[in-house]
């Protein structure tokens, strides 16, 4: 092939790349950045949050609930508050960095007691029906799974500034703050909003 034939073909190829591929890559980058900063989803791997979340549940997560982050980093550009009691939060385990979803049950300044899987915060019992395992966090109500017992108790713990205590709703079968310690509030990635897919039920929208 003559060199004078190659140059026009290369020019046409480059024009096609600029017209078709570059916009596609830009769109993928923007979508990935949006997932990092605004909205994402989480697939529940275990039953540690039963009965609120079941294994295999697909959960919509608001990644900007506690602040707008610089994409692909943990740097917050805009603060939007801190996790509140009862929020179902997504974070990395302080122990090994595994991405987890648990319930924030106590925030800075709270004094916590946990006995037989049931909470008392600042001396007030949260259970509205101890037999049914219901706990009232105000804006959220948790229906616990106590079928495996309550797991380790907490005799009395005051949450220091900037920290959270997270527990699973399946209190007797959850690797949570009783094992890996407190979580930094400003390291929480997002707030789980709703289950949008559940095995056996299909697509839906179950608010958390």
N, C-alpha and C. Protein backbone atom coordinates (compact mmCIF):
# COMPACT_ATOMS: atom_id res chain seq x y z
N UNK A 1 0.84 -1.19 0.00
CA UNK A 1 0.00 0.00 0.00
C UNK A 1 0.88 1.24 0.00
N UNK A 2 0.51 2.18 -0.85
CA UNK A 2 1.31 3.38 -0.95
C UNK A 2 1.08 4.29 0.26
N UNK A 3 2.14 5.03 0.63
CA UNK A 3 2.06 5.89 1.81
C UNK A 3 1.00 6.96 1.65
N UNK A 4 0.76 7.40 0.37
CA UNK A 4 -0.25 8.44 0.18
C UNK A 4 -1.66 7.90 0.42
N UNK A 5 -1.83 6.54 0.38
CA UNK A 5 -3.14 5.94 0.69
C UNK A 5 -3.33 5.75 2.19
N UNK A 6 -2.23 5.58 2.94
CA UNK A 6 -2.31 5.31 4.37
C UNK A 6 -2.75 6.54 5.14
N UNK A 7 -2.23 7.71 4.76
CA UNK A 7 -2.52 8.92 5.54
C UNK A 7 -4.00 9.27 5.57
N UNK A 8 -4.73 9.24 4.45
CA UNK A 8 -6.17 9.52 4.53
C UNK A 8 -6.92 8.50 5.36
N UNK A 9 -6.50 7.22 5.26
CA UNK A 9 -7.18 6.19 6.06
C UNK A 9 -6.94 6.43 7.55
N UNK A 10 -5.73 6.77 7.94
CA UNK A 10 -5.45 7.05 9.35
C UNK A 10 -6.23 8.27 9.82
N UNK A 11 -6.35 9.26 8.94
CA UNK A 11 -7.11 10.46 9.31
C UNK A 11 -8.57 10.12 9.54
N UNK A 12 -9.14 9.28 8.64
CA UNK A 12 -10.54 8.88 8.80
C UNK A 12 -10.73 8.07 10.07
N UNK A 13 -9.77 7.18 10.39
CA UNK A 13 -9.85 6.38 11.62
C UNK A 13 -9.83 7.28 12.85
N UNK A 14 -8.95 8.25 12.87
CA UNK A 14 -8.85 9.17 14.01
C UNK A 14 -10.13 9.99 14.16
N UNK A 15 -10.68 10.42 13.03
CA UNK A 15 -11.93 11.17 13.08
C UNK A 15 -13.06 10.31 13.66
N UNK A 16 -13.09 9.03 13.27
CA UNK A 16 -14.11 8.13 13.82
C UNK A 16 -13.92 7.94 15.32
N UNK A 17 -12.67 7.77 15.75
CA UNK A 17 -12.40 7.61 17.18
C UNK A 17 -12.87 8.84 17.95
N UNK A 18 -12.54 10.00 17.42
CA UNK A 18 -12.95 11.23 18.10
C UNK A 18 -14.46 11.36 18.14
N UNK A 19 -15.13 10.95 17.10
CA UNK A 19 -16.59 11.14 17.00
C UNK A 19 -17.35 10.10 17.82
N UNK A 20 -16.86 8.85 17.87
CA UNK A 20 -17.61 7.76 18.49
C UNK A 20 -17.05 7.29 19.83
N UNK A 21 -15.76 7.03 19.88
CA UNK A 21 -15.18 6.39 21.05
C UNK A 21 -14.94 7.38 22.18
N UNK A 22 -14.39 8.55 21.87
CA UNK A 22 -14.07 9.52 22.92
C UNK A 22 -15.32 9.94 23.70
N UNK A 23 -16.45 10.27 23.04
CA UNK A 23 -17.66 10.59 23.81
C UNK A 23 -18.15 9.43 24.67
N UNK A 24 -18.01 8.18 24.15
CA UNK A 24 -18.42 7.02 24.93
C UNK A 24 -17.56 6.89 26.18
N UNK A 25 -16.24 7.05 26.04
CA UNK A 25 -15.36 6.97 27.20
C UNK A 25 -15.67 8.08 28.20
N UNK A 26 -15.95 9.27 27.69
CA UNK A 26 -16.29 10.39 28.57
C UNK A 26 -17.57 10.10 29.35
N UNK A 27 -18.57 9.50 28.67
CA UNK A 27 -19.82 9.17 29.34
C UNK A 27 -19.60 8.12 30.43
N UNK A 28 -18.78 7.11 30.13
CA UNK A 28 -18.48 6.08 31.12
C UNK A 28 -17.76 6.66 32.32
N UNK A 29 -16.84 7.59 32.07
CA UNK A 29 -16.13 8.24 33.16
C UNK A 29 -17.08 9.05 34.03
N UNK A 30 -18.00 9.77 33.40
CA UNK A 30 -18.97 10.57 34.16
C UNK A 30 -19.89 9.68 34.98
N UNK A 31 -20.33 8.56 34.39
CA UNK A 31 -21.19 7.64 35.13
C UNK A 31 -20.47 7.05 36.33
N UNK A 32 -19.20 6.69 36.13
CA UNK A 32 -18.41 6.13 37.23
C UNK A 32 -18.22 7.17 38.32
N UNK A 33 -17.94 8.41 37.93
CA UNK A 33 -17.78 9.48 38.91
C UNK A 33 -19.08 9.72 39.67
N UNK A 34 -20.21 9.66 38.95
CA UNK A 34 -21.51 9.84 39.61
C UNK A 34 -21.77 8.75 40.63
N UNK A 35 -21.41 7.51 40.29
CA UNK A 35 -21.56 6.41 41.25
C UNK A 35 -20.69 6.64 42.47
N UNK A 36 -19.50 7.18 42.27
CA UNK A 36 -18.59 7.42 43.38
C UNK A 36 -19.08 8.53 44.30
N UNK A 37 -19.77 9.55 43.73
CA UNK A 37 -20.09 10.74 44.50
C UNK A 37 -21.57 10.89 44.83
N UNK A 38 -22.47 10.31 44.02
CA UNK A 38 -23.88 10.61 44.20
C UNK A 38 -24.73 9.38 44.53
N UNK A 39 -24.71 8.37 43.68
CA UNK A 39 -25.58 7.22 43.90
C UNK A 39 -24.87 5.94 43.47
N UNK A 40 -25.16 4.88 44.19
CA UNK A 40 -24.54 3.59 43.88
C UNK A 40 -25.50 2.50 44.35
N UNK A 41 -25.07 1.26 44.25
CA UNK A 41 -25.87 0.18 44.79
C UNK A 41 -24.96 -0.80 45.52
N UNK A 42 -25.57 -1.63 46.34
CA UNK A 42 -24.83 -2.58 47.16
C UNK A 42 -25.60 -3.89 47.14
N UNK A 43 -24.89 -4.99 46.94
CA UNK A 43 -25.50 -6.32 46.98
C UNK A 43 -25.18 -6.93 48.34
N UNK A 44 -26.21 -7.28 49.09
CA UNK A 44 -26.04 -7.79 50.45
C UNK A 44 -25.52 -9.23 50.40
N UNK A 45 -24.33 -9.49 50.97
CA UNK A 45 -23.75 -10.83 50.83
C UNK A 45 -24.19 -11.83 51.90
N UNK A 46 -24.61 -11.34 53.07
CA UNK A 46 -24.89 -12.24 54.20
C UNK A 46 -26.21 -11.85 54.87
N UNK A 47 -26.56 -12.62 55.89
CA UNK A 47 -27.79 -12.34 56.64
C UNK A 47 -27.57 -11.52 57.89
N UNK A 48 -26.48 -10.79 57.99
CA UNK A 48 -26.17 -10.06 59.23
C UNK A 48 -27.12 -8.91 59.51
N UNK A 49 -27.91 -8.49 58.49
CA UNK A 49 -28.86 -7.39 58.70
C UNK A 49 -30.32 -7.86 58.63
N UNK A 50 -30.54 -9.18 58.71
CA UNK A 50 -31.92 -9.67 58.80
C UNK A 50 -32.58 -9.09 60.05
N UNK A 51 -33.86 -8.75 60.02
CA UNK A 51 -34.80 -8.96 58.92
C UNK A 51 -34.91 -7.75 57.99
N UNK A 52 -34.09 -6.76 58.19
CA UNK A 52 -34.17 -5.56 57.36
C UNK A 52 -33.65 -5.83 55.95
N UNK A 53 -32.49 -6.44 55.86
CA UNK A 53 -31.88 -6.79 54.58
C UNK A 53 -31.64 -8.29 54.55
N UNK A 54 -31.97 -8.89 53.41
CA UNK A 54 -31.80 -10.33 53.25
C UNK A 54 -30.65 -10.60 52.29
N UNK A 55 -30.00 -11.78 52.40
CA UNK A 55 -28.93 -12.11 51.46
C UNK A 55 -29.40 -12.00 50.01
N UNK A 56 -28.59 -11.34 49.19
CA UNK A 56 -28.94 -11.16 47.79
C UNK A 56 -29.71 -9.89 47.49
N UNK A 57 -30.18 -9.20 48.52
CA UNK A 57 -30.88 -7.92 48.30
C UNK A 57 -29.96 -6.95 47.56
N UNK A 58 -30.55 -6.21 46.64
CA UNK A 58 -29.85 -5.11 45.98
C UNK A 58 -30.39 -3.81 46.55
N UNK A 59 -29.47 -3.00 47.03
CA UNK A 59 -29.84 -1.83 47.82
C UNK A 59 -29.37 -0.57 47.13
N UNK A 60 -30.26 0.42 47.00
CA UNK A 60 -29.89 1.73 46.49
C UNK A 60 -29.22 2.53 47.60
N UNK A 61 -28.06 3.13 47.27
CA UNK A 61 -27.27 3.86 48.27
C UNK A 61 -27.09 5.31 47.83
N UNK A 62 -27.41 6.22 48.73
CA UNK A 62 -27.17 7.65 48.50
C UNK A 62 -25.74 7.96 48.95
N UNK A 63 -24.84 8.13 47.99
CA UNK A 63 -23.44 8.37 48.32
C UNK A 63 -23.17 9.82 48.76
N UNK A 64 -24.15 10.69 48.58
CA UNK A 64 -23.97 12.10 48.98
C UNK A 64 -24.76 12.43 50.24
N UNK A 65 -25.30 11.42 50.94
CA UNK A 65 -26.16 11.69 52.09
C UNK A 65 -25.45 12.47 53.19
N UNK A 66 -24.15 12.22 53.36
CA UNK A 66 -23.41 12.88 54.44
C UNK A 66 -22.37 13.85 53.91
N UNK A 67 -22.37 14.10 52.62
CA UNK A 67 -21.43 15.05 52.04
C UNK A 67 -21.09 14.68 50.61
N UNK A 68 -20.80 15.69 49.83
CA UNK A 68 -20.41 15.49 48.43
C UNK A 68 -18.90 15.26 48.38
N UNK A 69 -18.50 14.12 47.82
CA UNK A 69 -17.09 13.75 47.79
C UNK A 69 -16.46 14.02 46.43
N UNK A 70 -15.18 14.29 46.46
CA UNK A 70 -14.41 14.34 45.22
C UNK A 70 -14.42 12.94 44.63
N UNK A 71 -14.81 12.79 43.35
CA UNK A 71 -14.91 11.44 42.77
C UNK A 71 -13.64 10.62 42.95
N UNK A 72 -13.85 9.34 43.28
CA UNK A 72 -12.78 8.33 43.44
C UNK A 72 -11.91 8.58 44.68
N UNK A 73 -12.34 9.46 45.58
CA UNK A 73 -11.58 9.72 46.81
C UNK A 73 -12.55 9.75 47.99
N UNK A 74 -12.00 9.87 49.20
CA UNK A 74 -12.81 10.05 50.40
C UNK A 74 -12.84 11.51 50.84
N UNK A 75 -12.34 12.41 50.00
CA UNK A 75 -12.29 13.84 50.33
C UNK A 75 -13.67 14.45 50.16
N UNK A 76 -14.19 15.07 51.22
CA UNK A 76 -15.50 15.70 51.16
C UNK A 76 -15.36 17.15 50.70
N UNK A 77 -16.11 17.49 49.65
CA UNK A 77 -16.13 18.86 49.15
C UNK A 77 -17.20 19.69 49.84
N UNK A 78 -18.32 19.04 50.15
CA UNK A 78 -19.45 19.72 50.81
C UNK A 78 -19.94 18.82 51.94
N UNK A 79 -20.06 19.37 53.14
CA UNK A 79 -20.56 18.61 54.28
C UNK A 79 -22.09 18.65 54.28
N UNK A 80 -22.71 17.50 54.61
CA UNK A 80 -24.17 17.44 54.69
C UNK A 80 -24.61 16.74 55.97
N UNK A 81 -23.81 16.87 57.01
CA UNK A 81 -24.19 16.26 58.27
C UNK A 81 -23.53 14.91 58.49
N UNK A 82 -23.93 14.28 59.58
CA UNK A 82 -23.34 13.02 60.01
C UNK A 82 -24.43 11.95 60.07
N UNK A 83 -24.05 10.68 60.04
CA UNK A 83 -25.03 9.61 60.21
C UNK A 83 -25.78 9.77 61.53
N UNK A 84 -27.06 9.43 61.49
CA UNK A 84 -27.92 9.52 62.66
C UNK A 84 -28.28 8.12 63.16
N UNK A 85 -28.72 8.06 64.41
CA UNK A 85 -29.16 6.78 64.96
C UNK A 85 -30.24 6.17 64.09
N UNK A 86 -30.05 4.91 63.78
CA UNK A 86 -31.02 4.20 62.98
C UNK A 86 -30.71 4.14 61.50
N UNK A 87 -29.83 5.02 61.00
CA UNK A 87 -29.46 4.97 59.58
C UNK A 87 -28.79 3.64 59.25
N UNK A 88 -29.11 3.10 58.10
CA UNK A 88 -28.39 1.94 57.58
C UNK A 88 -27.28 2.49 56.68
N UNK A 89 -26.03 2.24 57.07
CA UNK A 89 -24.89 2.93 56.45
C UNK A 89 -23.96 1.93 55.76
N UNK A 90 -23.25 2.45 54.76
CA UNK A 90 -22.25 1.67 54.02
C UNK A 90 -20.88 2.26 54.32
N UNK A 91 -19.94 1.40 54.68
CA UNK A 91 -18.63 1.85 55.13
C UNK A 91 -17.63 0.73 54.93
N UNK A 92 -16.36 1.04 55.14
CA UNK A 92 -15.31 0.02 55.09
C UNK A 92 -14.97 -0.43 56.51
N UNK A 93 -14.85 -1.73 56.68
CA UNK A 93 -14.51 -2.27 58.00
C UNK A 93 -13.18 -1.71 58.49
N UNK A 94 -13.13 -1.22 59.73
CA UNK A 94 -11.85 -0.75 60.29
C UNK A 94 -10.81 -1.86 60.39
N UNK A 95 -11.28 -3.12 60.37
CA UNK A 95 -10.36 -4.24 60.54
C UNK A 95 -9.61 -4.59 59.26
N UNK A 96 -10.37 -4.75 58.15
CA UNK A 96 -9.71 -5.24 56.93
C UNK A 96 -10.13 -4.49 55.67
N UNK A 97 -10.94 -3.43 55.80
CA UNK A 97 -11.32 -2.64 54.64
C UNK A 97 -12.46 -3.20 53.82
N UNK A 98 -13.06 -4.33 54.25
CA UNK A 98 -14.19 -4.90 53.52
C UNK A 98 -15.37 -3.94 53.55
N UNK A 99 -16.04 -3.74 52.40
CA UNK A 99 -17.22 -2.89 52.33
C UNK A 99 -18.38 -3.59 53.03
N UNK A 100 -19.00 -2.90 54.00
CA UNK A 100 -20.05 -3.48 54.83
C UNK A 100 -21.28 -2.58 54.85
N UNK A 101 -22.40 -3.16 55.22
CA UNK A 101 -23.62 -2.39 55.48
C UNK A 101 -24.15 -2.83 56.84
N UNK A 102 -24.35 -1.86 57.74
CA UNK A 102 -24.84 -2.12 59.09
C UNK A 102 -25.73 -0.95 59.51
N UNK A 103 -26.32 -1.08 60.69
CA UNK A 103 -27.12 0.01 61.23
C UNK A 103 -26.29 0.83 62.23
N UNK A 104 -26.30 2.14 62.05
CA UNK A 104 -25.68 3.03 63.04
C UNK A 104 -26.65 3.12 64.22
N UNK A 105 -26.25 2.56 65.36
CA UNK A 105 -27.17 2.51 66.50
C UNK A 105 -26.85 3.56 67.55
N UNK A 106 -25.64 4.11 67.52
CA UNK A 106 -25.27 5.11 68.52
C UNK A 106 -24.26 6.07 67.92
N UNK A 107 -24.39 7.35 68.29
CA UNK A 107 -23.52 8.40 67.77
C UNK A 107 -22.76 9.05 68.92
N UNK A 108 -21.91 10.01 68.58
CA UNK A 108 -21.04 10.64 69.58
C UNK A 108 -21.85 11.14 70.78
N UNK A 109 -21.36 10.80 71.98
CA UNK A 109 -22.00 11.23 73.21
C UNK A 109 -22.99 10.24 73.78
N UNK A 110 -23.43 9.27 72.98
CA UNK A 110 -24.40 8.29 73.46
C UNK A 110 -23.74 7.30 74.41
N UNK A 111 -24.49 6.93 75.45
CA UNK A 111 -24.05 5.84 76.32
C UNK A 111 -24.88 4.61 75.97
N UNK A 112 -24.19 3.54 75.68
CA UNK A 112 -24.82 2.35 75.09
C UNK A 112 -24.76 1.17 76.05
N UNK A 113 -25.90 0.49 76.17
CA UNK A 113 -25.95 -0.81 76.81
C UNK A 113 -26.66 -1.77 75.85
N UNK A 114 -26.13 -2.97 75.76
CA UNK A 114 -26.73 -4.00 74.91
C UNK A 114 -26.79 -5.28 75.72
N UNK A 115 -28.00 -5.80 75.85
CA UNK A 115 -28.17 -7.04 76.61
C UNK A 115 -29.16 -7.94 75.88
N UNK A 116 -28.74 -9.17 75.65
CA UNK A 116 -29.58 -10.14 74.93
C UNK A 116 -30.02 -9.59 73.58
N UNK A 117 -29.16 -8.77 72.97
CA UNK A 117 -29.44 -8.24 71.64
C UNK A 117 -30.28 -6.98 71.61
N UNK A 118 -30.74 -6.50 72.76
CA UNK A 118 -31.61 -5.33 72.82
C UNK A 118 -30.86 -4.13 73.41
N UNK A 119 -31.12 -2.97 72.82
CA UNK A 119 -30.36 -1.76 73.12
C UNK A 119 -31.04 -0.87 74.14
N UNK A 120 -30.19 -0.21 74.92
CA UNK A 120 -30.58 0.94 75.72
C UNK A 120 -29.60 2.06 75.37
N UNK A 121 -30.12 3.21 74.96
CA UNK A 121 -29.31 4.37 74.62
C UNK A 121 -29.60 5.47 75.62
N UNK A 122 -28.57 5.90 76.31
CA UNK A 122 -28.71 6.94 77.34
C UNK A 122 -29.77 6.56 78.36
N UNK A 123 -29.80 5.28 78.71
CA UNK A 123 -30.71 4.78 79.73
C UNK A 123 -32.10 4.45 79.25
N UNK A 124 -32.40 4.71 77.99
CA UNK A 124 -33.75 4.49 77.46
C UNK A 124 -33.76 3.24 76.58
N UNK A 125 -34.65 2.30 76.89
CA UNK A 125 -34.78 1.09 76.08
C UNK A 125 -35.41 1.44 74.72
N UNK A 126 -34.83 0.91 73.65
CA UNK A 126 -35.34 1.19 72.31
C UNK A 126 -36.43 0.23 71.88
N UNK A 127 -36.54 -0.91 72.54
CA UNK A 127 -37.49 -1.90 72.07
C UNK A 127 -38.93 -1.44 72.33
N UNK A 128 -39.75 -1.50 71.28
CA UNK A 128 -41.17 -1.22 71.41
C UNK A 128 -41.95 -2.50 71.65
N UNK A 129 -41.36 -3.61 71.25
CA UNK A 129 -41.96 -4.92 71.49
C UNK A 129 -40.81 -5.91 71.62
N UNK A 130 -40.42 -6.21 72.86
CA UNK A 130 -39.25 -7.06 73.09
C UNK A 130 -39.44 -8.45 72.50
N UNK A 131 -40.67 -8.99 72.56
CA UNK A 131 -40.90 -10.33 72.05
C UNK A 131 -40.75 -10.38 70.54
N UNK A 132 -41.17 -9.30 69.86
CA UNK A 132 -41.06 -9.26 68.39
C UNK A 132 -39.71 -8.74 67.94
N UNK A 133 -38.90 -8.26 68.87
CA UNK A 133 -37.58 -7.76 68.51
C UNK A 133 -37.63 -6.45 67.75
N UNK A 134 -38.58 -5.58 68.08
CA UNK A 134 -38.69 -4.29 67.42
C UNK A 134 -37.96 -3.22 68.22
N UNK A 135 -37.18 -2.39 67.52
CA UNK A 135 -36.50 -1.26 68.15
C UNK A 135 -36.84 0.02 67.40
N UNK A 136 -37.12 1.08 68.17
CA UNK A 136 -37.54 2.35 67.59
C UNK A 136 -36.40 3.36 67.69
N UNK A 137 -35.90 3.81 66.52
CA UNK A 137 -34.84 4.80 66.47
C UNK A 137 -35.37 6.19 66.12
N UNK A 138 -36.67 6.35 66.16
CA UNK A 138 -37.25 7.64 65.81
C UNK A 138 -37.70 7.65 64.35
N UNK A 139 -36.79 8.04 63.45
CA UNK A 139 -37.13 8.04 62.03
C UNK A 139 -37.12 6.63 61.43
N UNK A 140 -36.50 5.70 62.12
CA UNK A 140 -36.39 4.33 61.61
C UNK A 140 -36.81 3.34 62.70
N UNK A 141 -37.40 2.25 62.26
CA UNK A 141 -37.71 1.16 63.17
C UNK A 141 -37.05 -0.11 62.64
N UNK A 142 -36.37 -0.82 63.51
CA UNK A 142 -35.67 -2.04 63.13
C UNK A 142 -36.42 -3.26 63.66
N UNK A 143 -36.63 -4.23 62.77
CA UNK A 143 -37.19 -5.52 63.18
C UNK A 143 -36.05 -6.51 63.24
N UNK A 144 -35.62 -6.82 64.44
CA UNK A 144 -34.43 -7.63 64.65
C UNK A 144 -34.70 -9.11 64.39
N UNK A 145 -33.63 -9.83 64.10
CA UNK A 145 -33.64 -11.28 64.08
C UNK A 145 -32.84 -11.74 65.29
N UNK A 146 -33.53 -12.27 66.29
CA UNK A 146 -32.87 -12.75 67.51
C UNK A 146 -32.89 -14.27 67.58
N UNK A 147 -33.09 -14.91 66.42
CA UNK A 147 -33.17 -16.36 66.38
C UNK A 147 -31.87 -17.05 66.79
N UNK A 148 -30.74 -16.36 66.63
CA UNK A 148 -29.45 -16.91 67.03
C UNK A 148 -28.97 -16.28 68.34
N UNK A 149 -29.90 -15.72 69.10
CA UNK A 149 -29.53 -15.03 70.33
C UNK A 149 -29.15 -13.58 70.05
N UNK A 150 -28.58 -12.94 71.05
CA UNK A 150 -28.25 -11.52 70.91
C UNK A 150 -26.79 -11.23 70.65
N UNK A 151 -25.94 -12.25 70.68
CA UNK A 151 -24.52 -12.00 70.49
C UNK A 151 -23.91 -11.36 71.72
N UNK A 152 -22.67 -10.88 71.62
CA UNK A 152 -21.99 -10.29 72.77
C UNK A 152 -22.73 -9.07 73.31
N UNK A 153 -22.78 -8.96 74.63
CA UNK A 153 -23.38 -7.79 75.28
C UNK A 153 -22.40 -6.62 75.31
N UNK A 154 -22.94 -5.44 75.56
CA UNK A 154 -22.13 -4.25 75.82
C UNK A 154 -22.57 -3.72 77.17
N UNK A 155 -21.67 -3.73 78.14
CA UNK A 155 -22.05 -3.37 79.51
C UNK A 155 -22.29 -1.88 79.68
N UNK A 156 -21.53 -1.07 79.00
CA UNK A 156 -21.68 0.37 79.12
C UNK A 156 -20.56 1.04 78.34
N UNK A 157 -20.92 1.74 77.29
CA UNK A 157 -19.93 2.33 76.41
C UNK A 157 -20.40 3.72 76.02
N UNK A 158 -19.55 4.72 76.18
CA UNK A 158 -19.86 6.08 75.73
C UNK A 158 -19.12 6.32 74.42
N UNK A 159 -19.85 6.71 73.39
CA UNK A 159 -19.28 6.90 72.07
C UNK A 159 -18.52 8.22 72.02
N UNK A 160 -17.22 8.19 71.69
CA UNK A 160 -16.42 9.43 71.66
C UNK A 160 -16.74 10.27 70.42
N UNK A 161 -16.30 11.53 70.42
CA UNK A 161 -16.55 12.41 69.26
C UNK A 161 -16.03 11.80 67.97
N UNK A 162 -16.82 11.98 66.90
CA UNK A 162 -16.40 11.53 65.58
C UNK A 162 -16.55 10.06 65.32
N UNK A 163 -17.18 9.31 66.24
CA UNK A 163 -17.29 7.87 66.10
C UNK A 163 -18.75 7.42 66.04
N UNK A 164 -18.95 6.21 65.55
CA UNK A 164 -20.25 5.55 65.50
C UNK A 164 -20.12 4.12 66.00
N UNK A 165 -21.19 3.62 66.61
CA UNK A 165 -21.30 2.19 66.86
C UNK A 165 -22.27 1.63 65.83
N UNK A 166 -21.83 0.62 65.10
CA UNK A 166 -22.69 -0.02 64.10
C UNK A 166 -22.92 -1.47 64.52
N UNK A 167 -24.16 -1.92 64.35
CA UNK A 167 -24.54 -3.29 64.67
C UNK A 167 -25.37 -3.85 63.52
N UNK A 168 -25.38 -5.17 63.42
CA UNK A 168 -26.29 -5.82 62.49
C UNK A 168 -27.63 -6.05 63.17
N UNK A 169 -28.72 -6.04 62.40
CA UNK A 169 -30.04 -6.32 62.96
C UNK A 169 -30.20 -7.80 63.32
N UNK A 170 -29.35 -8.66 62.74
CA UNK A 170 -29.31 -10.07 63.13
C UNK A 170 -28.28 -10.17 64.26
N UNK A 171 -28.69 -9.77 65.43
CA UNK A 171 -27.75 -9.49 66.52
C UNK A 171 -26.88 -10.67 66.92
N UNK A 172 -27.37 -11.88 66.78
CA UNK A 172 -26.59 -13.03 67.19
C UNK A 172 -25.71 -13.60 66.09
N UNK A 173 -25.76 -13.01 64.90
CA UNK A 173 -24.99 -13.53 63.77
C UNK A 173 -24.50 -12.37 62.91
N UNK A 174 -23.79 -11.43 63.54
CA UNK A 174 -23.30 -10.26 62.82
C UNK A 174 -21.91 -9.91 63.29
N UNK A 175 -20.99 -9.81 62.32
CA UNK A 175 -19.65 -9.33 62.61
C UNK A 175 -19.70 -7.81 62.51
N UNK A 176 -19.80 -7.14 63.64
CA UNK A 176 -20.07 -5.71 63.65
C UNK A 176 -19.17 -4.98 64.63
N UNK A 177 -19.62 -3.83 65.12
CA UNK A 177 -18.78 -3.00 65.98
C UNK A 177 -18.36 -3.66 67.27
N UNK A 178 -19.05 -4.70 67.68
CA UNK A 178 -18.63 -5.43 68.87
C UNK A 178 -17.33 -6.19 68.63
N UNK A 179 -16.99 -6.42 67.37
CA UNK A 179 -15.80 -7.18 67.02
C UNK A 179 -14.70 -6.30 66.42
N UNK A 180 -15.06 -5.36 65.54
CA UNK A 180 -14.03 -4.54 64.89
C UNK A 180 -13.94 -3.12 65.43
N UNK A 181 -14.76 -2.80 66.43
CA UNK A 181 -14.64 -1.49 67.07
C UNK A 181 -15.52 -0.42 66.42
N UNK A 182 -15.31 0.81 66.87
CA UNK A 182 -16.11 1.94 66.40
C UNK A 182 -15.66 2.38 65.01
N UNK A 183 -16.58 3.03 64.30
CA UNK A 183 -16.34 3.49 62.93
C UNK A 183 -16.23 5.01 62.94
N UNK A 184 -15.30 5.55 62.16
CA UNK A 184 -15.20 7.01 62.00
C UNK A 184 -16.42 7.50 61.23
N UNK A 185 -17.14 8.45 61.81
CA UNK A 185 -18.36 8.95 61.17
C UNK A 185 -18.07 9.56 59.81
N UNK A 186 -16.94 10.25 59.68
CA UNK A 186 -16.65 10.91 58.40
C UNK A 186 -16.08 9.97 57.35
N UNK A 187 -15.96 8.68 57.69
CA UNK A 187 -15.50 7.68 56.72
C UNK A 187 -16.66 6.85 56.16
N UNK A 188 -17.88 7.15 56.59
CA UNK A 188 -19.04 6.44 56.06
C UNK A 188 -19.27 6.90 54.63
N UNK A 189 -19.41 5.94 53.72
CA UNK A 189 -19.55 6.27 52.30
C UNK A 189 -20.93 6.79 51.95
N UNK A 190 -21.96 6.17 52.50
CA UNK A 190 -23.30 6.56 52.09
C UNK A 190 -24.36 5.94 52.97
N UNK A 191 -25.59 6.30 52.65
CA UNK A 191 -26.76 5.85 53.40
C UNK A 191 -27.60 4.95 52.50
N UNK A 192 -27.89 3.75 52.98
CA UNK A 192 -28.75 2.84 52.23
C UNK A 192 -30.18 3.35 52.31
N UNK A 193 -30.81 3.51 51.14
CA UNK A 193 -32.15 4.10 51.08
C UNK A 193 -33.26 3.06 51.02
N UNK A 194 -33.09 2.08 50.14
CA UNK A 194 -34.18 1.15 49.90
C UNK A 194 -33.65 -0.11 49.23
N UNK A 195 -34.39 -1.19 49.40
CA UNK A 195 -34.14 -2.43 48.64
C UNK A 195 -34.92 -2.31 47.34
N UNK A 196 -34.21 -2.43 46.19
CA UNK A 196 -34.91 -2.33 44.92
C UNK A 196 -35.05 -3.69 44.22
N UNK A 197 -34.40 -4.72 44.77
CA UNK A 197 -34.57 -6.07 44.23
C UNK A 197 -34.37 -7.06 45.36
N UNK A 198 -35.31 -8.02 45.45
CA UNK A 198 -35.19 -9.09 46.46
C UNK A 198 -35.51 -10.42 45.81
N UNK A 199 -34.68 -11.41 46.12
CA UNK A 199 -34.89 -12.74 45.55
C UNK A 199 -36.29 -13.24 45.86
N UNK A 200 -36.93 -13.81 44.85
CA UNK A 200 -38.27 -14.34 45.03
C UNK A 200 -39.36 -13.30 44.90
N UNK A 201 -39.01 -12.03 44.96
CA UNK A 201 -40.01 -10.96 44.86
C UNK A 201 -39.77 -10.08 43.64
N UNK A 202 -38.53 -10.06 43.14
CA UNK A 202 -38.22 -9.25 41.96
C UNK A 202 -38.03 -7.79 42.30
N UNK A 203 -38.22 -6.94 41.29
CA UNK A 203 -38.02 -5.51 41.46
C UNK A 203 -39.11 -4.92 42.34
N UNK A 204 -38.72 -3.91 43.10
CA UNK A 204 -39.65 -3.21 43.98
C UNK A 204 -38.94 -2.04 44.61
N UNK A 205 -39.53 -1.53 45.66
CA UNK A 205 -38.89 -0.40 46.37
C UNK A 205 -39.32 -0.47 47.83
N UNK A 206 -38.47 -1.03 48.67
CA UNK A 206 -38.75 -1.17 50.10
C UNK A 206 -37.88 -0.18 50.85
N UNK A 207 -38.50 0.88 51.36
CA UNK A 207 -37.74 1.90 52.08
C UNK A 207 -37.13 1.33 53.35
N UNK A 208 -35.94 1.79 53.69
CA UNK A 208 -35.28 1.33 54.92
C UNK A 208 -35.44 2.37 56.03
